[in-house]
Amino acid sequence: MPGCRLGFELDFFVYLNGPQKMAIIGAILAMGDYGQALDDIMPYGAASHRAAILTHILDREDYDLLEPMTTYMSNDMKLTTLHKLLSKNRLDIIEDIMPTFNRKHKDVIVEHFINIKPHNCDQIDEYLESFMPFFDKKQIKKLEENNNE
């Protein structure tokens, strides 16, 4: 497996039971450079394993690892991620994963823009412009109406 930094193949992961997988995930997360290993095991983990990985990544603010993970995230996990990124004002990371969000997620983003607009206009306008293609007509109308107030 090219690029695996563990020094061994992770193909066996698919054959492990839940607690065994969690033990391997814990060992991987304890390493300093675990991005490639997580990419390799994400397809084979259960929702609880993915949630543990996501929590670790969000707690450590390893946001660059989120984009490849979005394929394996549930909508609830994406919502948790979105709230964390918004609280940290990481619009750059949100921009990277924007195509994976559903309408509910985008509604949260719209509300966020409406609530913070007066506080940081330059940065908001910059990101808002890049997010607009992902919003539906109703979301765009809400943003426009709020901008005119």
N, C-alpha and C. Protein backbone atom coordinates (compact mmCIF):
# COMPACT_ATOMS: atom_id res chain seq x y z
N MET A 1 0.85 -1.18 0.00
CA MET A 1 0.00 0.00 0.00
C MET A 1 0.90 1.23 0.00
N PRO A 2 1.05 1.91 -1.11
CA PRO A 2 1.92 3.07 -1.17
C PRO A 2 1.43 4.17 -0.25
N GLY A 3 2.37 4.83 0.41
CA GLY A 3 2.05 5.98 1.23
C GLY A 3 1.64 5.65 2.65
N CYS A 4 1.51 4.37 3.00
CA CYS A 4 1.14 4.02 4.37
C CYS A 4 2.35 4.23 5.25
N ARG A 5 2.26 5.10 6.22
CA ARG A 5 3.40 5.48 7.04
C ARG A 5 3.56 4.58 8.27
N LEU A 6 2.73 3.59 8.40
CA LEU A 6 2.81 2.71 9.57
C LEU A 6 3.89 1.65 9.41
N GLY A 7 4.29 1.38 8.23
CA GLY A 7 5.28 0.35 8.01
C GLY A 7 4.67 -1.04 7.83
N PHE A 8 3.37 -1.13 7.80
CA PHE A 8 2.71 -2.41 7.54
C PHE A 8 1.39 -2.14 6.84
N GLU A 9 0.87 -3.17 6.24
CA GLU A 9 -0.38 -3.06 5.49
C GLU A 9 -1.57 -3.01 6.45
N LEU A 10 -2.59 -2.26 6.08
CA LEU A 10 -3.79 -2.16 6.90
C LEU A 10 -4.94 -2.98 6.32
N ASP A 11 -4.66 -3.84 5.37
CA ASP A 11 -5.72 -4.65 4.77
C ASP A 11 -6.43 -5.53 5.80
N PHE A 12 -5.73 -5.93 6.83
CA PHE A 12 -6.32 -6.79 7.85
C PHE A 12 -7.46 -6.09 8.60
N PHE A 13 -7.49 -4.78 8.57
CA PHE A 13 -8.46 -4.00 9.36
C PHE A 13 -9.89 -4.43 9.06
N VAL A 14 -10.17 -4.77 7.82
CA VAL A 14 -11.52 -5.15 7.42
C VAL A 14 -12.00 -6.41 8.17
N TYR A 15 -11.07 -7.24 8.62
CA TYR A 15 -11.44 -8.51 9.26
C TYR A 15 -11.57 -8.41 10.79
N LEU A 16 -11.29 -7.25 11.35
CA LEU A 16 -11.34 -7.10 12.81
C LEU A 16 -12.75 -6.83 13.30
N ASN A 17 -13.02 -7.16 14.55
CA ASN A 17 -14.31 -6.83 15.15
C ASN A 17 -14.25 -5.38 15.66
N GLY A 18 -15.36 -4.88 16.16
CA GLY A 18 -15.46 -3.49 16.59
C GLY A 18 -14.43 -3.05 17.62
N PRO A 19 -14.31 -3.78 18.74
CA PRO A 19 -13.31 -3.38 19.74
C PRO A 19 -11.86 -3.46 19.21
N GLN A 20 -11.58 -4.43 18.38
CA GLN A 20 -10.24 -4.53 17.79
C GLN A 20 -9.97 -3.33 16.88
N LYS A 21 -10.98 -2.97 16.09
CA LYS A 21 -10.83 -1.80 15.22
C LYS A 21 -10.59 -0.54 16.05
N MET A 22 -11.33 -0.41 17.17
CA MET A 22 -11.17 0.77 18.01
C MET A 22 -9.76 0.82 18.61
N ALA A 23 -9.22 -0.33 18.96
CA ALA A 23 -7.86 -0.38 19.51
C ALA A 23 -6.84 0.07 18.45
N ILE A 24 -7.01 -0.40 17.23
CA ILE A 24 -6.11 0.01 16.14
C ILE A 24 -6.26 1.51 15.88
N ILE A 25 -7.49 1.99 15.85
CA ILE A 25 -7.73 3.42 15.63
C ILE A 25 -7.06 4.23 16.73
N GLY A 26 -7.20 3.80 17.99
CA GLY A 26 -6.55 4.50 19.10
C GLY A 26 -5.04 4.57 18.92
N ALA A 27 -4.44 3.45 18.48
CA ALA A 27 -2.99 3.44 18.26
C ALA A 27 -2.61 4.38 17.11
N ILE A 28 -3.41 4.39 16.07
CA ILE A 28 -3.12 5.27 14.93
C ILE A 28 -3.25 6.73 15.35
N LEU A 29 -4.30 7.05 16.10
CA LEU A 29 -4.50 8.44 16.52
C LEU A 29 -3.43 8.92 17.50
N ALA A 30 -2.78 7.99 18.18
CA ALA A 30 -1.71 8.35 19.10
C ALA A 30 -0.43 8.74 18.35
N MET A 31 -0.35 8.38 17.09
CA MET A 31 0.82 8.73 16.28
C MET A 31 0.74 10.20 15.89
N GLY A 32 1.86 10.77 15.56
CA GLY A 32 1.88 12.16 15.14
C GLY A 32 1.35 12.37 13.73
N ASP A 33 1.69 11.48 12.83
CA ASP A 33 1.33 11.64 11.42
C ASP A 33 0.42 10.47 11.02
N TYR A 34 -0.88 10.68 11.14
CA TYR A 34 -1.81 9.58 10.95
C TYR A 34 -2.77 9.77 9.78
N GLY A 35 -2.62 10.81 9.01
CA GLY A 35 -3.55 11.12 7.93
C GLY A 35 -3.73 10.01 6.92
N GLN A 36 -2.64 9.47 6.41
CA GLN A 36 -2.73 8.42 5.39
C GLN A 36 -3.36 7.16 5.96
N ALA A 37 -3.00 6.81 7.18
CA ALA A 37 -3.56 5.61 7.80
C ALA A 37 -5.07 5.76 7.97
N LEU A 38 -5.54 6.96 8.35
CA LEU A 38 -6.98 7.17 8.48
C LEU A 38 -7.68 7.04 7.14
N ASP A 39 -7.06 7.57 6.10
CA ASP A 39 -7.64 7.41 4.75
C ASP A 39 -7.81 5.93 4.41
N ASP A 40 -6.85 5.12 4.83
CA ASP A 40 -6.88 3.69 4.50
C ASP A 40 -7.95 2.93 5.27
N ILE A 41 -8.25 3.35 6.51
CA ILE A 41 -9.18 2.57 7.33
C ILE A 41 -10.60 3.11 7.34
N MET A 42 -10.80 4.35 6.97
CA MET A 42 -12.13 4.96 7.04
C MET A 42 -13.22 4.14 6.35
N PRO A 43 -12.96 3.57 5.18
CA PRO A 43 -14.04 2.81 4.53
C PRO A 43 -14.48 1.58 5.32
N TYR A 44 -13.66 1.11 6.23
CA TYR A 44 -13.93 -0.14 6.93
C TYR A 44 -14.41 0.05 8.36
N GLY A 45 -14.49 1.28 8.82
CA GLY A 45 -14.92 1.54 10.19
C GLY A 45 -16.43 1.72 10.27
N ALA A 46 -16.97 1.41 11.43
CA ALA A 46 -18.39 1.64 11.70
C ALA A 46 -18.59 3.11 12.04
N ALA A 47 -19.84 3.51 12.18
CA ALA A 47 -20.15 4.91 12.51
C ALA A 47 -19.47 5.33 13.81
N SER A 48 -19.42 4.46 14.79
CA SER A 48 -18.78 4.81 16.07
C SER A 48 -17.28 5.04 15.89
N HIS A 49 -16.66 4.27 15.01
CA HIS A 49 -15.23 4.46 14.74
C HIS A 49 -15.00 5.79 14.03
N ARG A 50 -15.85 6.08 13.08
CA ARG A 50 -15.72 7.34 12.34
C ARG A 50 -15.96 8.53 13.26
N ALA A 51 -16.92 8.40 14.17
CA ALA A 51 -17.20 9.48 15.11
C ALA A 51 -15.99 9.72 16.03
N ALA A 52 -15.36 8.64 16.48
CA ALA A 52 -14.17 8.78 17.33
C ALA A 52 -13.04 9.47 16.58
N ILE A 53 -12.86 9.10 15.34
CA ILE A 53 -11.82 9.72 14.51
C ILE A 53 -12.14 11.20 14.29
N LEU A 54 -13.38 11.49 13.96
CA LEU A 54 -13.79 12.87 13.72
C LEU A 54 -13.60 13.72 14.99
N THR A 55 -14.00 13.20 16.12
CA THR A 55 -13.84 13.93 17.38
C THR A 55 -12.37 14.25 17.63
N HIS A 56 -11.52 13.28 17.39
CA HIS A 56 -10.08 13.48 17.57
C HIS A 56 -9.56 14.58 16.63
N ILE A 57 -9.96 14.50 15.38
CA ILE A 57 -9.50 15.49 14.40
C ILE A 57 -10.00 16.88 14.77
N LEU A 58 -11.25 17.00 15.16
CA LEU A 58 -11.79 18.31 15.54
C LEU A 58 -11.14 18.83 16.82
N ASP A 59 -10.90 17.96 17.79
CA ASP A 59 -10.26 18.40 19.03
C ASP A 59 -8.83 18.87 18.79
N ARG A 60 -8.13 18.20 17.90
CA ARG A 60 -6.75 18.59 17.59
C ARG A 60 -6.66 19.68 16.53
N GLU A 61 -7.80 20.02 15.96
CA GLU A 61 -7.89 21.02 14.90
C GLU A 61 -7.03 20.65 13.69
N ASP A 62 -7.03 19.38 13.36
CA ASP A 62 -6.36 18.87 12.16
C ASP A 62 -7.31 18.97 10.98
N TYR A 63 -7.78 20.18 10.71
CA TYR A 63 -8.85 20.40 9.74
C TYR A 63 -8.50 19.97 8.32
N ASP A 64 -7.23 19.95 7.99
CA ASP A 64 -6.85 19.54 6.63
C ASP A 64 -7.20 18.08 6.36
N LEU A 65 -7.44 17.31 7.38
CA LEU A 65 -7.79 15.89 7.21
C LEU A 65 -9.29 15.69 6.97
N LEU A 66 -10.07 16.75 7.09
CA LEU A 66 -11.52 16.60 6.99
C LEU A 66 -12.02 16.31 5.58
N GLU A 67 -11.44 16.95 4.59
CA GLU A 67 -11.98 16.81 3.23
C GLU A 67 -12.07 15.35 2.77
N PRO A 68 -11.02 14.55 2.91
CA PRO A 68 -11.17 13.14 2.47
C PRO A 68 -12.14 12.35 3.34
N MET A 69 -12.36 12.79 4.57
CA MET A 69 -13.26 12.07 5.47
C MET A 69 -14.73 12.30 5.16
N THR A 70 -15.06 13.39 4.49
CA THR A 70 -16.47 13.75 4.30
C THR A 70 -17.25 12.66 3.57
N THR A 71 -16.60 11.90 2.75
CA THR A 71 -17.26 10.79 2.05
C THR A 71 -17.86 9.80 3.04
N TYR A 72 -17.23 9.65 4.18
CA TYR A 72 -17.62 8.64 5.15
C TYR A 72 -18.41 9.21 6.34
N MET A 73 -18.67 10.51 6.32
CA MET A 73 -19.39 11.15 7.44
C MET A 73 -20.89 11.06 7.24
N SER A 74 -21.59 10.82 8.33
CA SER A 74 -23.05 10.92 8.30
C SER A 74 -23.42 12.40 8.27
N ASN A 75 -24.68 12.69 8.00
CA ASN A 75 -25.12 14.09 8.00
C ASN A 75 -24.96 14.73 9.37
N ASP A 76 -25.18 13.95 10.44
CA ASP A 76 -24.99 14.48 11.79
C ASP A 76 -23.52 14.80 12.04
N MET A 77 -22.63 13.95 11.57
CA MET A 77 -21.20 14.21 11.72
C MET A 77 -20.81 15.47 10.95
N LYS A 78 -21.38 15.63 9.77
CA LYS A 78 -21.08 16.85 9.00
C LYS A 78 -21.59 18.09 9.71
N LEU A 79 -22.75 17.97 10.34
CA LEU A 79 -23.31 19.11 11.08
C LEU A 79 -22.43 19.46 12.28
N THR A 80 -21.97 18.47 13.00
CA THR A 80 -21.05 18.69 14.11
C THR A 80 -19.79 19.37 13.62
N THR A 81 -19.26 18.88 12.52
CA THR A 81 -18.05 19.47 11.93
C THR A 81 -18.31 20.91 11.53
N LEU A 82 -19.42 21.15 10.89
CA LEU A 82 -19.76 22.50 10.44
C LEU A 82 -19.84 23.47 11.62
N HIS A 83 -20.52 23.07 12.69
CA HIS A 83 -20.63 23.94 13.87
C HIS A 83 -19.24 24.25 14.46
N LYS A 84 -18.40 23.24 14.52
CA LYS A 84 -17.04 23.44 15.06
C LYS A 84 -16.26 24.40 14.17
N LEU A 85 -16.34 24.20 12.87
CA LEU A 85 -15.60 25.07 11.95
C LEU A 85 -16.12 26.50 12.00
N LEU A 86 -17.42 26.66 12.10
CA LEU A 86 -17.99 28.01 12.20
C LEU A 86 -17.57 28.68 13.51
N SER A 87 -17.54 27.93 14.59
CA SER A 87 -17.13 28.51 15.88
C SER A 87 -15.67 28.94 15.86
N LYS A 88 -14.87 28.28 15.04
CA LYS A 88 -13.45 28.63 14.91
C LYS A 88 -13.21 29.57 13.75
N ASN A 89 -14.27 29.97 13.07
CA ASN A 89 -14.20 30.86 11.91
C ASN A 89 -13.29 30.29 10.81
N ARG A 90 -13.39 29.00 10.58
CA ARG A 90 -12.57 28.33 9.56
C ARG A 90 -13.38 28.20 8.27
N LEU A 91 -13.70 29.34 7.70
CA LEU A 91 -14.47 29.38 6.47
C LEU A 91 -13.68 28.78 5.31
N ASP A 92 -12.37 28.82 5.40
CA ASP A 92 -11.53 28.22 4.36
C ASP A 92 -11.75 26.72 4.26
N ILE A 93 -11.86 26.06 5.40
CA ILE A 93 -12.10 24.61 5.40
C ILE A 93 -13.53 24.32 4.95
N ILE A 94 -14.46 25.14 5.41
CA ILE A 94 -15.86 24.97 4.98
C ILE A 94 -15.95 25.09 3.46
N GLU A 95 -15.21 26.03 2.90
CA GLU A 95 -15.21 26.20 1.45
C GLU A 95 -14.75 24.93 0.75
N ASP A 96 -13.76 24.26 1.32
CA ASP A 96 -13.24 23.02 0.72
C ASP A 96 -14.25 21.89 0.74
N ILE A 97 -15.08 21.81 1.78
CA ILE A 97 -16.01 20.69 1.91
C ILE A 97 -17.45 21.08 1.59
N MET A 98 -17.65 22.30 1.14
CA MET A 98 -18.99 22.82 0.84
C MET A 98 -19.81 21.90 -0.08
N PRO A 99 -19.22 21.31 -1.11
CA PRO A 99 -20.03 20.45 -1.99
C PRO A 99 -20.65 19.23 -1.31
N THR A 100 -20.16 18.87 -0.14
CA THR A 100 -20.68 17.68 0.54
C THR A 100 -21.86 17.99 1.45
N PHE A 101 -22.17 19.26 1.64
CA PHE A 101 -23.24 19.64 2.56
C PHE A 101 -24.60 19.58 1.92
N ASN A 102 -25.59 19.22 2.73
CA ASN A 102 -26.96 19.20 2.25
C ASN A 102 -27.63 20.54 2.57
N ARG A 103 -28.91 20.64 2.30
CA ARG A 103 -29.64 21.90 2.49
C ARG A 103 -29.62 22.36 3.94
N LYS A 104 -29.81 21.44 4.86
CA LYS A 104 -29.80 21.79 6.29
C LYS A 104 -28.45 22.40 6.69
N HIS A 105 -27.38 21.81 6.22
CA HIS A 105 -26.05 22.34 6.52
C HIS A 105 -25.90 23.75 5.95
N LYS A 106 -26.35 23.92 4.74
CA LYS A 106 -26.22 25.22 4.09
C LYS A 106 -27.10 26.27 4.77
N ASP A 107 -28.24 25.86 5.30
CA ASP A 107 -29.08 26.78 6.08
C ASP A 107 -28.32 27.27 7.31
N VAL A 108 -27.57 26.40 7.94
CA VAL A 108 -26.76 26.79 9.10
C VAL A 108 -25.71 27.83 8.68
N ILE A 109 -25.12 27.62 7.53
CA ILE A 109 -24.11 28.57 7.03
C ILE A 109 -24.77 29.91 6.74
N VAL A 110 -25.92 29.89 6.11
CA VAL A 110 -26.64 31.13 5.80
C VAL A 110 -26.93 31.89 7.10
N GLU A 111 -27.45 31.20 8.10
CA GLU A 111 -27.74 31.84 9.39
C GLU A 111 -26.48 32.41 10.02
N HIS A 112 -25.40 31.69 9.89
CA HIS A 112 -24.13 32.17 10.43
C HIS A 112 -23.72 33.48 9.74
N PHE A 113 -23.80 33.50 8.42
CA PHE A 113 -23.45 34.72 7.69
C PHE A 113 -24.35 35.88 8.09
N ILE A 114 -25.61 35.61 8.27
CA ILE A 114 -26.56 36.67 8.66
C ILE A 114 -26.21 37.21 10.04
N ASN A 115 -25.85 36.32 10.95
CA ASN A 115 -25.57 36.73 12.33
C ASN A 115 -24.23 37.44 12.50
N ILE A 116 -23.24 37.13 11.68
CA ILE A 116 -21.93 37.76 11.86
C ILE A 116 -21.63 38.85 10.85
N LYS A 117 -22.48 39.02 9.87
CA LYS A 117 -22.24 39.98 8.80
C LYS A 117 -21.79 41.36 9.30
N PRO A 118 -22.43 41.96 10.27
CA PRO A 118 -22.00 43.30 10.67
C PRO A 118 -20.61 43.35 11.32
N HIS A 119 -20.12 42.21 11.77
CA HIS A 119 -18.89 42.20 12.56
C HIS A 119 -17.62 42.08 11.72
N ASN A 120 -17.68 41.50 10.56
CA ASN A 120 -16.46 41.27 9.78
C ASN A 120 -16.81 41.24 8.29
N CYS A 121 -17.19 42.35 7.76
CA CYS A 121 -17.74 42.43 6.41
C CYS A 121 -16.78 41.96 5.32
N ASP A 122 -15.51 42.35 5.39
CA ASP A 122 -14.59 42.01 4.30
C ASP A 122 -14.42 40.51 4.14
N GLN A 123 -14.12 39.81 5.23
CA GLN A 123 -13.92 38.38 5.15
C GLN A 123 -15.22 37.67 4.76
N ILE A 124 -16.33 38.11 5.31
CA ILE A 124 -17.62 37.49 5.02
C ILE A 124 -17.96 37.63 3.55
N ASP A 125 -17.79 38.82 3.00
CA ASP A 125 -18.10 39.04 1.59
C ASP A 125 -17.25 38.15 0.69
N GLU A 126 -15.98 37.99 1.05
CA GLU A 126 -15.08 37.15 0.26
C GLU A 126 -15.57 35.70 0.22
N TYR A 127 -15.89 35.15 1.36
CA TYR A 127 -16.34 33.76 1.41
C TYR A 127 -17.77 33.61 0.90
N LEU A 128 -18.58 34.57 1.19
CA LEU A 128 -19.96 34.51 0.74
C LEU A 128 -20.03 34.39 -0.78
N GLU A 129 -19.18 35.12 -1.45
CA GLU A 129 -19.14 35.06 -2.91
C GLU A 129 -18.78 33.65 -3.40
N SER A 130 -17.84 33.00 -2.74
CA SER A 130 -17.45 31.66 -3.17
C SER A 130 -18.48 30.60 -2.78
N PHE A 131 -19.29 30.88 -1.76
CA PHE A 131 -20.32 29.94 -1.32
C PHE A 131 -21.61 30.04 -2.12
N MET A 132 -21.85 31.18 -2.74
CA MET A 132 -23.14 31.44 -3.41
C MET A 132 -23.55 30.35 -4.41
N PRO A 133 -22.65 29.81 -5.21
CA PRO A 133 -23.10 28.77 -6.16
C PRO A 133 -23.68 27.53 -5.49
N PHE A 134 -23.40 27.34 -4.22
CA PHE A 134 -23.87 26.15 -3.50
C PHE A 134 -25.23 26.37 -2.83
N PHE A 135 -25.66 27.61 -2.73
CA PHE A 135 -26.93 27.92 -2.08
C PHE A 135 -28.07 27.83 -3.08
N ASP A 136 -29.26 27.47 -2.59
CA ASP A 136 -30.43 27.46 -3.46
C ASP A 136 -31.05 28.85 -3.49
N LYS A 137 -32.08 29.02 -4.30
CA LYS A 137 -32.71 30.34 -4.48
C LYS A 137 -33.25 30.90 -3.17
N LYS A 138 -33.84 30.05 -2.37
CA LYS A 138 -34.41 30.50 -1.10
C LYS A 138 -33.32 31.01 -0.15
N GLN A 139 -32.21 30.31 -0.11
CA GLN A 139 -31.10 30.72 0.75
C GLN A 139 -30.48 32.04 0.25
N ILE A 140 -30.34 32.15 -1.05
CA ILE A 140 -29.80 33.39 -1.62
C ILE A 140 -30.73 34.56 -1.33
N LYS A 141 -32.03 34.33 -1.48
CA LYS A 141 -33.01 35.39 -1.21
C LYS A 141 -32.92 35.83 0.25
N LYS A 142 -32.79 34.88 1.15
CA LYS A 142 -32.68 35.21 2.57
C LYS A 142 -31.44 36.05 2.85
N LEU A 143 -30.34 35.70 2.22
CA LEU A 143 -29.11 36.48 2.39
C LEU A 143 -29.28 37.88 1.82
N GLU A 144 -29.87 37.98 0.65
CA GLU A 144 -30.07 39.28 0.01
C GLU A 144 -31.00 40.16 0.83
N GLU A 145 -32.09 39.59 1.33
CA GLU A 145 -33.03 40.36 2.14
C GLU A 145 -32.36 40.87 3.41
N ASN A 146 -31.56 40.04 4.01
CA ASN A 146 -30.89 40.43 5.25
C ASN A 146 -29.80 41.46 4.99
N ASN A 147 -29.19 41.39 3.82
CA ASN A 147 -28.14 42.35 3.46
C ASN A 147 -28.72 43.73 3.22
N ASN A 148 -29.99 43.81 2.81
CA ASN A 148 -30.63 45.08 2.52
C ASN A 148 -31.19 45.76 3.77
N GLU A 149 -31.20 45.05 4.88
CA GLU A 149 -31.77 45.64 6.11
C GLU A 149 -30.83 46.61 6.74
